[in-house]
C-alpha cells in the first residue's frame, strides 16, 4: 500500500488511498483494469426553491403554482441524477481524481476549450472570502515511477473545466424533462424523455468519455433553443422576450461549434416546410427568420468576422426564405393553389439558396466549408480527396452502423417513434387532402379567423415541425454516424408524445393511457437497465507514459517559442501542456489550417525526404513529432495515411512511405533528438532565405 500524502498547499486532512498503475492497453492512453485501492468519493448537492415569490408575478393560481413547483423539482432532480451519472462514469473510466495535472491535461486530448475567465472569477471570489477551493496530495504511483502531485476541487483548473462541462450537461437533462413535459402536456412525458435518454445513453452523448468536445458545450443550448421554439410555435402571439431568449440560445449554440450552422439549416428547412403546408403563419415565420438573422450577424462579429458563417447554406437559406415569404402574393398570382405552389416554393428555396451560397463564396473568396461539401459529395459518389478521406476513414464519420437501429429497437425507442410519426403524418395528410378538396389557400388562414381553430392548427404545426426535424436528424445520422447525438435525443423527445392526449386520446381515459405508458416503460427498462449496467461496469485508469515522457522532454529541452508540428491530437496536447507554438491543430474548419495540416502530414506520404523537409521549413517548423502508428495504422483498406496520400500523389504510388524510412534512420534530412516506444522528435533544419 502506498499513501496519498497531503501537501502543504492542501486545505483539509489527507485521505489515505492507493493508486496502482496498470500497463498501457489499447486504445492508447487508457487501461481497462484498475487495481484495488481506489477510494470512493462523496458528492453533495443542495437545492433551494422559491416559487412562492414568483407566483404572483406569473399570475398563477395556488394549484397551478404547485404543479409548476413539482415540475421544476422533478426537472432539478433529473438534472442532478444526470450530472452524478456523468461524473461517476468519467471517474470510473479515467480515475481522474488520482491523476497528476499533466495526466489530466493529456486525458483531455483534442478540442480543448479553456474557461479561463470563469476560473479566474471563481478563484478570485473564493480567495477574497478565504474559502478553500482545492485539496492536493502527493501520489506514489509505484512501478518505479516518480511521485506526482494530484489536486481535487474547483480550484484546480482541470477539475473546474470538467465540472463546468458536466454541470452544463446536467442542466441539459433538466431542460429535457421540461421539454418532454411541455410537448406532451404531461409530466409523465418528461419522465419518458429522461428515461429514454438514460436507457439509450451510449447512443445519445459522448460527454462522459470526451468532455472537451465542442458539442459538449454547444448541444445543451440547442435543447433550450428547441424548447423555446416549441413555445413560440404554440403561442398565438409570442412576446419579444421569447424571441430574444430564442436568439440568445441560438448564439450560445453557434459560438462553441461551427457545425451548428448545418443543424440550424435543418431547423429552418423544417420550419419552412411547415409554413408551406400552412401550419405556420407568415408573420410568425418571418419573426423567427429575423431572430436567426440577427443571431447570425452577432455571431459573425463575435467570431472575429468568420466568413464561413456568411457564406454558409444556412445564411443563404435565411435570405431565400425571407424573399419567398415576402413574395407570397406574387406566387399566389402565378401558380395554382395546392400542390403546385408548394412544389414551386420548395424549388425556389433550393435553387436560390444554392445560387446565393456559391455567389457569396465567390465574392468573399471563402472556402472554409469546402471540406463539408466534399464530405457530402463523397457519400453519394465515388469522389474522394485528402480532406474527405481524413473524415470518412474515421468510423464516426462513416454511415450509421446497422447495430444502431437494432439497439433502438431493443429499447423500443424506434417502434415508439415510428408509431408517433405515423400518427402525425396520417393527420397531416388528412389536413392536406381537406385543404385541397375545399380549395383553401392555407391552413394558417384559419388562425386569423377563429382563435380556437387557430390554436388547434398551431398545436398540429409544432408536431409537424418536430416530425420533420426528426426526419432531418435521421438523414444526418445515417450519412454521418457521429451525428447520432442529434437523432437519439430528439427521438427521446418524440417518445414523450405517447403521453399526449391529442395523439393518443383514442386509447381511452387518462388512466388507461397511463397504464399503457407504464407497461411500455417496463418493457423499455429490460434492455435499458442492461445498457446502464454495461456503462457502470466500465472501470479503467488513464495512463500514457510515452506521451508524458515526450511532454516532459519538450518542457525541459526546448525553447518556449520552439515551433512544433505533427499529428493533430498530439499537437493539442503539446499546446495545452507545454505552451509551445504549433502549426496545426484539430480545428479543421479553417481552409488555411487544412492546407498546413496537409503539408505536415506529407511526412506520412511516399514523397522524397527533401520535398517533405522543404514543406516543413516553409511552415517554420523546428521540431516534428513522428508517430509510427500514423504510418502503419489502417482502419480499413485504403485508409492508412500512405494510401490516403496516394490519392493526392499518384506519381509516387508503390514507393516505401517516407515515415518508414525515417523511423529507421532520420538522416540525412532530419536529426532525431528524442525517441521512445511511441514518439520520435525530429529536428528540422532552419529555412534559408530562398525558402521564405
Foldseek 3Di string as FASTA:
>chain_A
DDFWAFDPPFDDHGDGWAFEDDDADPPGFWFQDGDPTDDDDDDDDDDDDDLVVCCVVVVHDPVRSVVVVVLLVVLLVQLVVQLVLLVLLLCQGAVQQQDAPLSLLLQQFALADFPVVVLVVVVVVCVVVVHDFKTKTWHDHDPPDDIHIGMDGCNRRSNVLLSVLSSLVSNLLSLQQVLLCVLQVHSVRSVLLSLLCLLPVVLADDCSRHVSDLCSQQVSLVSVLLSLVLVLLLDLDDDPVSLVSNLVSLLSNCQSDVCVLVLVQLLLVLLLLLVLQFLGDLVSNLSNLVSVVVSLVVSCVVVPNDVCSCLDLSNQLSVQSVVCSVCVVVLPVPDPAAPTSSVVSVVSSVVRSVVSSVVSCVVVVDCLCVLVVQLVVVLPDVDDALSNLVQCQDPQFAFADPVVVVSCVQLCLVVLLVVLLVLLVVVSVVVSVVCVVVVPRHQCVVVVVDVVSNSVSSSSSSSSSLSSSLVVLVVVCRNGVNSSNVNSSSSSSSSSNLQHCVRPVVCDDNVSSVVVVVVSNVSSVVSSVVVNVVSSPRGMHGDNVVLVVVLVCCQVPHDQAAEEEEDQSSVSSNCVRRVYHYLEHDPSSHPVRVVLNVLLLLQLEQDDLVSSLLSCQLSVHFKYKDFVCLNPPGSDPQNRSHSSCCRVVVVRPPHDRNSVVCVVPVPDQWDWDDDDPTITMTGRDHDDPVSD
